[in-house]
PDB file of N, CA and C in Angstrom:
ATOM      1  N   MET A   1     -10.091 -10.181  22.306  1.00  0.00           N
ATOM      2  CA  MET A   1      -8.904 -11.009  22.342  1.00  0.00           C
ATOM      3  C   MET A   1      -8.693 -11.719  21.008  1.00  0.00           C
ATOM      4  N   SER A   2      -9.791 -12.106  20.368  1.00  0.00           N
ATOM      5  CA  SER A   2      -9.654 -12.799  19.078  1.00  0.00           C
ATOM      6  C   SER A   2      -9.098 -11.859  18.005  1.00  0.00           C
ATOM      7  N   VAL A   3      -9.503 -10.591  18.015  1.00  0.00           N
ATOM      8  CA  VAL A   3      -8.962  -9.628  17.058  1.00  0.00           C
ATOM      9  C   VAL A   3      -7.474  -9.425  17.305  1.00  0.00           C
ATOM     10  N   PHE A   4      -7.071  -9.359  18.560  1.00  0.00           N
ATOM     11  CA  PHE A   4      -5.668  -9.210  18.906  1.00  0.00           C
ATOM     12  C   PHE A   4      -4.853 -10.383  18.380  1.00  0.00           C
ATOM     13  N   ILE A   5      -5.364 -11.591  18.523  1.00  0.00           N
ATOM     14  CA  ILE A   5      -4.661 -12.778  18.032  1.00  0.00           C
ATOM     15  C   ILE A   5      -4.583 -12.758  16.514  1.00  0.00           C
ATOM     16  N   MET A   6      -5.652 -12.323  15.848  1.00  0.00           N
ATOM     17  CA  MET A   6      -5.616 -12.230  14.392  1.00  0.00           C
ATOM     18  C   MET A   6      -4.588 -11.208  13.918  1.00  0.00           C
ATOM     19  N   VAL A   7      -4.471 -10.097  14.628  1.00  0.00           N
ATOM     20  CA  VAL A   7      -3.470  -9.087  14.277  1.00  0.00           C
ATOM     21  C   VAL A   7      -2.069  -9.651  14.460  1.00  0.00           C
ATOM     22  N   LEU A   8      -1.834 -10.376  15.535  1.00  0.00           N
ATOM     23  CA  LEU A   8      -0.529 -10.998  15.753  1.00  0.00           C
ATOM     24  C   LEU A   8      -0.190 -11.981  14.634  1.00  0.00           C
ATOM     25  N   ILE A   9      -1.163 -12.742  14.188  1.00  0.00           N
ATOM     26  CA  ILE A   9      -0.929 -13.689  13.092  1.00  0.00           C
ATOM     27  C   ILE A   9      -0.566 -12.945  11.814  1.00  0.00           C
ATOM     28  N   GLN A  10      -1.269 -11.848  11.533  1.00  0.00           N
ATOM     29  CA  GLN A  10      -0.962 -11.068  10.326  1.00  0.00           C
ATOM     30  C   GLN A  10       0.427 -10.438  10.403  1.00  0.00           C
ATOM     31  N   ILE A  11       0.800  -9.943  11.563  1.00  0.00           N
ATOM     32  CA  ILE A  11       2.144  -9.370  11.728  1.00  0.00           C
ATOM     33  C   ILE A  11       3.194 -10.447  11.526  1.00  0.00           C
ATOM     34  N   LYS A  12       2.942 -11.628  12.020  1.00  0.00           N
ATOM     35  CA  LYS A  12       3.878 -12.737  11.840  1.00  0.00           C
ATOM     36  C   LYS A  12       4.002 -13.114  10.369  1.00  0.00           C
ATOM     37  N   ARG A  13       2.886 -13.123   9.636  1.00  0.00           N
ATOM     38  CA  ARG A  13       2.928 -13.441   8.207  1.00  0.00           C
ATOM     39  C   ARG A  13       3.699 -12.386   7.428  1.00  0.00           C
ATOM     40  N   ILE A  14       3.499 -11.135   7.760  1.00  0.00           N
ATOM     41  CA  ILE A  14       4.229 -10.066   7.082  1.00  0.00           C
ATOM     42  C   ILE A  14       5.715 -10.209   7.359  1.00  0.00           C
ATOM     43  N   GLY A  15       6.065 -10.522   8.599  1.00  0.00           N
ATOM     44  CA  GLY A  15       7.467 -10.725   8.960  1.00  0.00           C
ATOM     45  C   GLY A  15       8.069 -11.932   8.254  1.00  0.00           C
ATOM     46  N   ALA A  16       7.276 -12.977   8.022  1.00  0.00           N
ATOM     47  CA  ALA A  16       7.766 -14.166   7.340  1.00  0.00           C
ATOM     48  C   ALA A  16       8.005 -13.897   5.865  1.00  0.00           C
ATOM     49  N   ASN A  17       7.261 -12.945   5.292  1.00  0.00           N
ATOM     50  CA  ASN A  17       7.421 -12.614   3.877  1.00  0.00           C
ATOM     51  C   ASN A  17       8.656 -11.759   3.611  1.00  0.00           C
ATOM     52  N   LYS A  18       9.201 -11.130   4.630  1.00  0.00           N
ATOM     53  CA  LYS A  18      10.399 -10.320   4.443  1.00  0.00           C
ATOM     54  C   LYS A  18      11.585 -11.220   4.142  1.00  0.00           C
ATOM     55  N   LEU A  19      12.467 -10.746   3.279  1.00  0.00           N
ATOM     56  CA  LEU A  19      13.629 -11.553   2.903  1.00  0.00           C
ATOM     57  C   LEU A  19      14.628 -11.668   4.044  1.00  0.00           C
ATOM     58  N   ALA A  20      14.935 -10.565   4.675  1.00  0.00           N
ATOM     59  CA  ALA A  20      15.946 -10.571   5.736  1.00  0.00           C
ATOM     60  C   ALA A  20      15.300 -10.219   7.065  1.00  0.00           C
ATOM     61  N   ALA A  21      14.586 -11.160   7.623  1.00  0.00           N
ATOM     62  CA  ALA A  21      13.965 -10.929   8.925  1.00  0.00           C
ATOM     63  C   ALA A  21      15.003 -11.216  10.007  1.00  0.00           C
ATOM     64  N   ASN A  22      15.253 -10.214  10.840  1.00  0.00           N
ATOM     65  CA  ASN A  22      16.248 -10.403  11.896  1.00  0.00           C
ATOM     66  C   ASN A  22      15.585 -10.245  13.255  1.00  0.00           C
ATOM     67  N   SER A  23      16.342 -10.504  14.299  1.00  0.00           N
ATOM     68  CA  SER A  23      15.786 -10.452  15.643  1.00  0.00           C
ATOM     69  C   SER A  23      15.461  -9.021  16.052  1.00  0.00           C
ATOM     70  N   HIS A  24      16.179  -8.028  15.501  1.00  0.00           N
ATOM     71  CA  HIS A  24      15.905  -6.623  15.820  1.00  0.00           C
ATOM     72  C   HIS A  24      14.503  -6.232  15.345  1.00  0.00           C
ATOM     73  N   GLY A  25      14.118  -6.706  14.165  1.00  0.00           N
ATOM     74  CA  GLY A  25      12.779  -6.436  13.644  1.00  0.00           C
ATOM     75  C   GLY A  25      11.698  -7.097  14.478  1.00  0.00           C
ATOM     76  N   SER A  26      11.988  -8.301  14.967  1.00  0.00           N
ATOM     77  CA  SER A  26      11.025  -9.004  15.808  1.00  0.00           C
ATOM     78  C   SER A  26      10.827  -8.288  17.137  1.00  0.00           C
ATOM     79  N   VAL A  27      11.908  -7.755  17.694  1.00  0.00           N
ATOM     80  CA  VAL A  27      11.806  -7.016  18.951  1.00  0.00           C
ATOM     81  C   VAL A  27      10.991  -5.746  18.746  1.00  0.00           C
ATOM     82  N   LEU A  28      11.211  -5.061  17.622  1.00  0.00           N
ATOM     83  CA  LEU A  28      10.428  -3.854  17.328  1.00  0.00           C
ATOM     84  C   LEU A  28       8.951  -4.186  17.125  1.00  0.00           C
ATOM     85  N   ASP A  29       8.675  -5.308  16.447  1.00  0.00           N
ATOM     86  CA  ASP A  29       7.283  -5.725  16.269  1.00  0.00           C
ATOM     87  C   ASP A  29       6.627  -6.042  17.601  1.00  0.00           C
ATOM     88  N   LEU A  30       7.357  -6.714  18.471  1.00  0.00           N
ATOM     89  CA  LEU A  30       6.821  -7.045  19.790  1.00  0.00           C
ATOM     90  C   LEU A  30       6.577  -5.783  20.607  1.00  0.00           C
ATOM     91  N   LYS A  31       7.495  -4.834  20.517  1.00  0.00           N
ATOM     92  CA  LYS A  31       7.320  -3.566  21.224  1.00  0.00           C
ATOM     93  C   LYS A  31       6.108  -2.799  20.679  1.00  0.00           C
ATOM     94  N   ALA A  32       5.934  -2.833  19.370  1.00  0.00           N
ATOM     95  CA  ALA A  32       4.802  -2.147  18.753  1.00  0.00           C
ATOM     96  C   ALA A  32       3.473  -2.772  19.188  1.00  0.00           C
ATOM     97  N   VAL A  33       3.423  -4.085  19.204  1.00  0.00           N
ATOM     98  CA  VAL A  33       2.192  -4.776  19.607  1.00  0.00           C
ATOM     99  C   VAL A  33       1.866  -4.490  21.065  1.00  0.00           C
ATOM    100  N   ALA A  34       2.871  -4.546  21.927  1.00  0.00           N
ATOM    101  CA  ALA A  34       2.642  -4.289  23.346  1.00  0.00           C
ATOM    102  C   ALA A  34       2.215  -2.838  23.575  1.00  0.00           C
ATOM    103  N   SER A  35       2.836  -1.915  22.883  1.00  0.00           N
ATOM    104  CA  SER A  35       2.489  -0.499  23.055  1.00  0.00           C
ATOM    105  C   SER A  35       1.078  -0.210  22.571  1.00  0.00           C
ATOM    106  N   LEU A  36       0.722  -0.742  21.421  1.00  0.00           N
ATOM    107  CA  LEU A  36      -0.632  -0.508  20.916  1.00  0.00           C
ATOM    108  C   LEU A  36      -1.683  -1.183  21.783  1.00  0.00           C
ATOM    109  N   THR A  37      -1.359  -2.331  22.346  1.00  0.00           N
ATOM    110  CA  THR A  37      -2.295  -2.992  23.247  1.00  0.00           C
ATOM    111  C   THR A  37      -2.570  -2.132  24.469  1.00  0.00           C
ATOM    112  N   VAL A  38      -1.527  -1.582  25.050  1.00  0.00           N
ATOM    113  CA  VAL A  38      -1.704  -0.697  26.205  1.00  0.00           C
ATOM    114  C   VAL A  38      -2.454   0.561  25.793  1.00  0.00           C
ATOM    115  N   LEU A  39      -2.059   1.145  24.662  1.00  0.00           N
ATOM    116  CA  LEU A  39      -2.676   2.385  24.198  1.00  0.00           C
ATOM    117  C   LEU A  39      -4.170   2.225  23.952  1.00  0.00           C
ATOM    118  N   LEU A  40      -4.544   1.189  23.239  1.00  0.00           N
ATOM    119  CA  LEU A  40      -5.949   1.001  22.898  1.00  0.00           C
ATOM    120  C   LEU A  40      -6.743   0.376  24.040  1.00  0.00           C
ATOM    121  N   GLY A  41      -6.103  -0.421  24.875  1.00  0.00           N
ATOM    122  CA  GLY A  41      -6.816  -1.077  25.963  1.00  0.00           C
ATOM    123  C   GLY A  41      -7.020  -0.205  27.184  1.00  0.00           C
ATOM    124  N   LEU A  42      -6.184   0.813  27.349  1.00  0.00           N
ATOM    125  CA  LEU A  42      -6.275   1.667  28.532  1.00  0.00           C
ATOM    126  C   LEU A  42      -7.595   2.429  28.578  1.00  0.00           C
ATOM    127  N   THR A  43      -7.975   3.021  27.469  1.00  0.00           N
ATOM    128  CA  THR A  43      -9.221   3.790  27.478  1.00  0.00           C
ATOM    129  C   THR A  43     -10.431   2.891  27.702  1.00  0.00           C
ATOM    130  N   TRP A  44     -10.411   1.706  27.086  1.00  0.00           N
ATOM    131  CA  TRP A  44     -11.555   0.824  27.257  1.00  0.00           C
ATOM    132  C   TRP A  44     -11.604   0.237  28.662  1.00  0.00           C
ATOM    133  N   SER A  45     -10.468   0.065  29.292  1.00  0.00           N
ATOM    134  CA  SER A  45     -10.501  -0.399  30.682  1.00  0.00           C
ATOM    135  C   SER A  45     -11.059   0.688  31.598  1.00  0.00           C
ATOM    136  N   ILE A  46     -10.761   1.946  31.300  1.00  0.00           N
ATOM    137  CA  ILE A  46     -11.358   3.050  32.069  1.00  0.00           C
ATOM    138  C   ILE A  46     -12.871   3.050  31.884  1.00  0.00           C
ATOM    139  N   GLY A  47     -13.330   2.851  30.649  1.00  0.00           N
ATOM    140  CA  GLY A  47     -14.770   2.793  30.389  1.00  0.00           C
ATOM    141  C   GLY A  47     -15.438   1.598  31.035  1.00  0.00           C
ATOM    142  N   PHE A  48     -14.755   0.469  31.056  1.00  0.00           N
ATOM    143  CA  PHE A  48     -15.324  -0.744  31.636  1.00  0.00           C
ATOM    144  C   PHE A  48     -15.450  -0.642  33.149  1.00  0.00           C
ATOM    145  N   PHE A  49     -14.489  -0.011  33.787  1.00  0.00           N
ATOM    146  CA  PHE A  49     -14.492   0.082  35.241  1.00  0.00           C
ATOM    147  C   PHE A  49     -15.073   1.392  35.759  1.00  0.00           C
ATOM    148  N   SER A  50     -15.890   2.053  34.962  1.00  0.00           N
ATOM    149  CA  SER A  50     -16.483   3.315  35.415  1.00  0.00           C
ATOM    150  C   SER A  50     -17.804   3.040  36.145  1.00  0.00           C
ATOM    151  N   PHE A  51     -17.700   2.837  37.429  1.00  0.00           N
ATOM    152  CA  PHE A  51     -18.873   2.673  38.278  1.00  0.00           C
ATOM    153  C   PHE A  51     -18.543   3.220  39.653  1.00  0.00           C
ATOM    154  N   GLY A  52     -19.526   3.361  40.465  1.00  0.00           N
ATOM    155  CA  GLY A  52     -19.324   3.884  41.811  1.00  0.00           C
ATOM    156  C   GLY A  52     -19.401   5.404  41.839  1.00  0.00           C
ATOM    157  N   PRO A  53     -18.851   5.998  42.887  1.00  0.00           N
ATOM    158  CA  PRO A  53     -18.965   7.451  43.052  1.00  0.00           C
ATOM    159  C   PRO A  53     -18.182   8.255  42.013  1.00  0.00           C
ATOM    160  N   ALA A  54     -17.154   7.680  41.418  1.00  0.00           N
ATOM    161  CA  ALA A  54     -16.354   8.412  40.422  1.00  0.00           C
ATOM    162  C   ALA A  54     -16.802   8.097  38.999  1.00  0.00           C
ATOM    163  N   ARG A  55     -18.012   7.603  38.843  1.00  0.00           N
ATOM    164  CA  ARG A  55     -18.500   7.162  37.541  1.00  0.00           C
ATOM    165  C   ARG A  55     -18.519   8.283  36.527  1.00  0.00           C
ATOM    166  N   VAL A  56     -19.039   9.435  36.886  1.00  0.00           N
ATOM    167  CA  VAL A  56     -19.176  10.543  35.935  1.00  0.00           C
ATOM    168  C   VAL A  56     -17.798  11.017  35.474  1.00  0.00           C
ATOM    169  N   VAL A  57     -16.869  11.130  36.394  1.00  0.00           N
ATOM    170  CA  VAL A  57     -15.513  11.575  36.040  1.00  0.00           C
ATOM    171  C   VAL A  57     -14.855  10.561  35.111  1.00  0.00           C
ATOM    172  N   LEU A  58     -14.987   9.269  35.414  1.00  0.00           N
ATOM    173  CA  LEU A  58     -14.379   8.238  34.587  1.00  0.00           C
ATOM    174  C   LEU A  58     -15.013   8.165  33.208  1.00  0.00           C
ATOM    175  N   VAL A  59     -16.313   8.393  33.114  1.00  0.00           N
ATOM    176  CA  VAL A  59     -16.969   8.385  31.805  1.00  0.00           C
ATOM    177  C   VAL A  59     -16.478   9.562  30.970  1.00  0.00           C
ATOM    178  N   TYR A  60     -16.351  10.737  31.565  1.00  0.00           N
ATOM    179  CA  TYR A  60     -15.803  11.880  30.828  1.00  0.00           C
ATOM    180  C   TYR A  60     -14.356  11.626  30.410  1.00  0.00           C
ATOM    181  N   LEU A  61     -13.572  11.025  31.284  1.00  0.00           N
ATOM    182  CA  LEU A  61     -12.192  10.692  30.952  1.00  0.00           C
ATOM    183  C   LEU A  61     -12.143   9.671  29.815  1.00  0.00           C
ATOM    184  N   PHE A  62     -13.020   8.691  29.859  1.00  0.00           N
ATOM    185  CA  PHE A  62     -13.111   7.693  28.793  1.00  0.00           C
ATOM    186  C   PHE A  62     -13.428   8.346  27.457  1.00  0.00           C
ATOM    187  N   VAL A  63     -14.407   9.229  27.432  1.00  0.00           N
ATOM    188  CA  VAL A  63     -14.796   9.889  26.180  1.00  0.00           C
ATOM    189  C   VAL A  63     -13.654  10.757  25.654  1.00  0.00           C
ATOM    190  N   PHE A  64     -13.006  11.488  26.537  1.00  0.00           N
ATOM    191  CA  PHE A  64     -11.910  12.368  26.126  1.00  0.00           C
ATOM    192  C   PHE A  64     -10.738  11.567  25.560  1.00  0.00           C
ATOM    193  N   LEU A  65     -10.303  10.537  26.284  1.00  0.00           N
ATOM    194  CA  LEU A  65      -9.171   9.741  25.821  1.00  0.00           C
ATOM    195  C   LEU A  65      -9.514   8.914  24.587  1.00  0.00           C
ATOM    196  N   ASN A  66     -10.734   8.435  24.506  1.00  0.00           N
ATOM    197  CA  ASN A  66     -11.144   7.642  23.354  1.00  0.00           C
ATOM    198  C   ASN A  66     -11.213   8.496  22.095  1.00  0.00           C
ATOM    199  N   SER A  67     -11.589   9.761  22.241  1.00  0.00           N
ATOM    200  CA  SER A  67     -11.633  10.637  21.076  1.00  0.00           C
ATOM    201  C   SER A  67     -10.236  11.013  20.585  1.00  0.00           C
ATOM    202  N   LEU A  68      -9.227  10.872  21.432  1.00  0.00           N
ATOM    203  CA  LEU A  68      -7.850  11.187  21.045  1.00  0.00           C
ATOM    204  C   LEU A  68      -7.052   9.969  20.598  1.00  0.00           C
ATOM    205  N   GLN A  69      -7.687   8.820  20.439  1.00  0.00           N
ATOM    206  CA  GLN A  69      -6.940   7.615  20.082  1.00  0.00           C
ATOM    207  C   GLN A  69      -6.260   7.742  18.726  1.00  0.00           C
ATOM    208  N   GLY A  70      -6.886   8.365  17.770  1.00  0.00           N
ATOM    209  CA  GLY A  70      -6.253   8.563  16.468  1.00  0.00           C
ATOM    210  C   GLY A  70      -4.983   9.383  16.587  1.00  0.00           C
ATOM    211  N   PHE A  71      -5.027  10.418  17.400  1.00  0.00           N
ATOM    212  CA  PHE A  71      -3.846  11.234  17.642  1.00  0.00           C
ATOM    213  C   PHE A  71      -2.759  10.426  18.342  1.00  0.00           C
ATOM    214  N   PHE A  72      -3.148   9.599  19.304  1.00  0.00           N
ATOM    215  CA  PHE A  72      -2.178   8.761  20.003  1.00  0.00           C
ATOM    216  C   PHE A  72      -1.529   7.750  19.054  1.00  0.00           C
ATOM    217  N   VAL A  73      -2.301   7.182  18.144  1.00  0.00           N
ATOM    218  CA  VAL A  73      -1.749   6.243  17.169  1.00  0.00           C
ATOM    219  C   VAL A  73      -0.780   6.967  16.237  1.00  0.00           C
ATOM    220  N   PHE A  74      -1.110   8.202  15.849  1.00  0.00           N
ATOM    221  CA  PHE A  74      -0.202   9.007  15.030  1.00  0.00           C
ATOM    222  C   PHE A  74       1.107   9.262  15.760  1.00  0.00           C
ATOM    223  N   LEU A  75       1.039   9.655  17.035  1.00  0.00           N
ATOM    224  CA  LEU A  75       2.254   9.865  17.819  1.00  0.00           C
ATOM    225  C   LEU A  75       3.057   8.574  17.948  1.00  0.00           C
ATOM    226  N   PHE A  76       2.365   7.476  18.156  1.00  0.00           N
ATOM    227  CA  PHE A  76       3.021   6.179  18.246  1.00  0.00           C
ATOM    228  C   PHE A  76       3.769   5.880  16.954  1.00  0.00           C
ATOM    229  N   HIS A  77       3.135   6.147  15.821  1.00  0.00           N
ATOM    230  CA  HIS A  77       3.776   5.922  14.528  1.00  0.00           C
ATOM    231  C   HIS A  77       5.028   6.782  14.391  1.00  0.00           C
ATOM    232  N   CYS A  78       4.921   8.039  14.813  1.00  0.00           N
ATOM    233  CA  CYS A  78       6.070   8.947  14.721  1.00  0.00           C
ATOM    234  C   CYS A  78       7.205   8.507  15.628  1.00  0.00           C
ATOM    235  N   LEU A  79       6.905   7.965  16.781  1.00  0.00           N
ATOM    236  CA  LEU A  79       7.945   7.540  17.710  1.00  0.00           C
ATOM    237  C   LEU A  79       8.593   6.225  17.302  1.00  0.00           C
ATOM    238  N   MET A  80       7.871   5.360  16.604  1.00  0.00           N
ATOM    239  CA  MET A  80       8.398   4.040  16.274  1.00  0.00           C
ATOM    240  C   MET A  80       9.215   4.020  14.980  1.00  0.00           C
ATOM    241  N   LYS A  81       8.956   4.919  14.050  1.00  0.00           N
ATOM    242  CA  LYS A  81       9.638   4.896  12.760  1.00  0.00           C
ATOM    243  C   LYS A  81      10.841   5.824  12.778  1.00  0.00           C
ATOM    244  N   GLU A  82      12.002   5.285  12.460  1.00  0.00           N
ATOM    245  CA  GLU A  82      13.242   6.062  12.484  1.00  0.00           C
ATOM    246  C   GLU A  82      13.234   7.179  11.449  1.00  0.00           C
ATOM    247  N   ASN A  83      12.744   6.908  10.249  1.00  0.00           N
ATOM    248  CA  ASN A  83      12.746   7.945   9.221  1.00  0.00           C
ATOM    249  C   ASN A  83      11.783   9.082   9.555  1.00  0.00           C
ATOM    250  N   VAL A  84      10.689   8.788  10.238  1.00  0.00           N
ATOM    251  CA  VAL A  84       9.756   9.839  10.648  1.00  0.00           C
ATOM    252  C   VAL A  84      10.388  10.692  11.744  1.00  0.00           C
ATOM    253  N   ARG A  85      11.053  10.047  12.703  1.00  0.00           N
ATOM    254  CA  ARG A  85      11.747  10.803  13.753  1.00  0.00           C
ATOM    255  C   ARG A  85      12.820  11.698  13.168  1.00  0.00           C
ATOM    256  N   LYS A  86      13.525  11.201  12.157  1.00  0.00           N
ATOM    257  CA  LYS A  86      14.574  11.995  11.526  1.00  0.00           C
ATOM    258  C   LYS A  86      13.981  13.224  10.845  1.00  0.00           C
ATOM    259  N   GLN A  87      12.868  13.077  10.163  1.00  0.00           N
ATOM    260  CA  GLN A  87      12.231  14.225   9.508  1.00  0.00           C
ATOM    261  C   GLN A  87      11.725  15.237  10.528  1.00  0.00           C
ATOM    262  N   TRP A  88      11.180  14.768  11.636  1.00  0.00           N
ATOM    263  CA  TRP A  88      10.750  15.687  12.693  1.00  0.00           C
ATOM    264  C   TRP A  88      11.940  16.468  13.227  1.00  0.00           C
ATOM    265  N   ARG A  89      13.070  15.783  13.411  1.00  0.00           N
ATOM    266  CA  ARG A  89      14.257  16.454  13.929  1.00  0.00           C
ATOM    267  C   ARG A  89      14.817  17.452  12.923  1.00  0.00           C
ATOM    268  N   ILE A  90      14.686  17.170  11.642  1.00  0.00           N
ATOM    269  CA  ILE A  90      15.199  18.085  10.617  1.00  0.00           C
ATOM    270  C   ILE A  90      14.353  19.349  10.573  1.00  0.00           C
ATOM    271  N   HIS A  91      13.048  19.212  10.551  1.00  0.00           N
ATOM    272  CA  HIS A  91      12.171  20.345  10.259  1.00  0.00           C
ATOM    273  C   HIS A  91      11.645  21.083  11.477  1.00  0.00           C
ATOM    274  N   LEU A  92      11.480  20.407  12.594  1.00  0.00           N
ATOM    275  CA  LEU A  92      10.810  21.060  13.709  1.00  0.00           C
ATOM    276  C   LEU A  92      11.678  21.313  14.928  1.00  0.00           C
ATOM    277  N   CYS A  93      12.733  20.570  15.108  1.00  0.00           N
ATOM    278  CA  CYS A  93      13.523  20.714  16.320  1.00  0.00           C
ATOM    279  C   CYS A  93      14.556  21.826  16.180  1.00  0.00           C
ATOM    280  N   CYS A  94      14.922  22.337  17.317  1.00  0.00           N
ATOM    281  CA  CYS A  94      15.983  23.333  17.338  1.00  0.00           C
ATOM    282  C   CYS A  94      16.915  22.999  18.499  1.00  0.00           C
ATOM    283  N   GLY A  95      18.093  23.575  18.471  1.00  0.00           N
ATOM    284  CA  GLY A  95      19.024  23.339  19.561  1.00  0.00           C
ATOM    285  C   GLY A  95      19.713  22.007  19.454  1.00  0.00           C
ATOM    286  N   ARG A  96      19.868  21.327  20.572  1.00  0.00           N
ATOM    287  CA  ARG A  96      20.669  20.102  20.607  1.00  0.00           C
ATOM    288  C   ARG A  96      19.986  18.907  19.956  1.00  0.00           C
ATOM    289  N   PHE A  97      18.666  18.950  19.717  1.00  0.00           N
ATOM    290  CA  PHE A  97      17.970  17.824  19.107  1.00  0.00           C
ATOM    291  C   PHE A  97      17.978  17.881  17.584  1.00  0.00           C
ATOM    292  N   ARG A  98      18.365  19.019  17.007  1.00  0.00           N
ATOM    293  CA  ARG A  98      18.377  19.173  15.561  1.00  0.00           C
ATOM    294  C   ARG A  98      19.550  18.396  14.971  1.00  0.00           C
ATOM    295  N   LEU A  99      19.326  17.771  13.830  1.00  0.00           N
ATOM    296  CA  LEU A  99      20.393  17.017  13.184  1.00  0.00           C
ATOM    297  C   LEU A  99      21.467  17.966  12.677  1.00  0.00           C
ATOM    298  N   ARG A 100      22.717  17.584  12.823  1.00  0.00           N
ATOM    299  CA  ARG A 100      23.853  18.435  12.474  1.00  0.00           C
ATOM    300  C   ARG A 100      23.896  18.775  10.986  1.00  0.00           C
ATOM    301  N   GLU A 101      23.584  17.799  10.135  1.00  0.00           N
ATOM    302  CA  GLU A 101      23.736  18.012   8.700  1.00  0.00           C
ATOM    303  C   GLU A 101      22.764  19.032   8.135  1.00  0.00           C
ATOM    304  N   TYR A 102      21.670  19.313   8.835  1.00  0.00           N
ATOM    305  CA  TYR A 102      20.693  20.269   8.344  1.00  0.00           C
ATOM    306  C   TYR A 102      20.625  21.530   9.200  1.00  0.00           C
ATOM    307  N   SER A 103      21.431  21.634  10.241  1.00  0.00           N
ATOM    308  CA  SER A 103      21.368  22.799  11.095  1.00  0.00           C
ATOM    309  C   SER A 103      22.195  23.926  10.518  1.00  0.00           C
ATOM    310  N   GLY A 104      21.917  25.109  10.960  1.00  0.00           N
ATOM    311  CA  GLY A 104      22.668  26.270  10.495  1.00  0.00           C
ATOM    312  C   GLY A 104      22.128  26.799   9.194  1.00  0.00           C
ATOM    313  N   SER A 105      22.732  27.848   8.721  1.00  0.00           N
ATOM    314  CA  SER A 105      22.290  28.459   7.483  1.00  0.00           C
ATOM    315  C   SER A 105      22.993  27.795   6.299  1.00  0.00           C
ATOM    316  N   SER A 106      22.397  27.944   5.162  1.00  0.00           N
ATOM    317  CA  SER A 106      22.998  27.345   3.972  1.00  0.00           C
ATOM    318  C   SER A 106      24.185  28.173   3.515  1.00  0.00           C
ATOM    319  N   SER A 107      25.157  27.531   2.926  1.00  0.00           N
ATOM    320  CA  SER A 107      26.362  28.234   2.494  1.00  0.00           C
ATOM    321  C   SER A 107      26.289  28.460   0.988  1.00  0.00           C
ATOM    322  N   PHE A 108      25.877  29.641   0.613  1.00  0.00           N
ATOM    323  CA  PHE A 108      25.789  29.998  -0.810  1.00  0.00           C
ATOM    324  C   PHE A 108      27.010  30.730  -1.228  1.00  0.00           C
TER     325      PHE A 108
END
């Protein structure tokens, strides 16, 4: 809990250093903090509550999900940043999710 509070203080300081801090940025920061708390706390709660008859299954689930936390943080980063989402849509998506300005063949 103390590390979480320290992270919140650092995020607040970074936000205070920005010249044009608006309420939209604060909402995104709050969403990011809440999402990362759930993401990182979920696996450890599974590990903490692994006892009883389902202990072995929960321990394996804990190890599997904990080993994928880096991947989950990467996905979280991709979902939260608009410019990253735009690049994914340009290069990897097809059909209705592809951005109009980059779809189709080039006109030479």
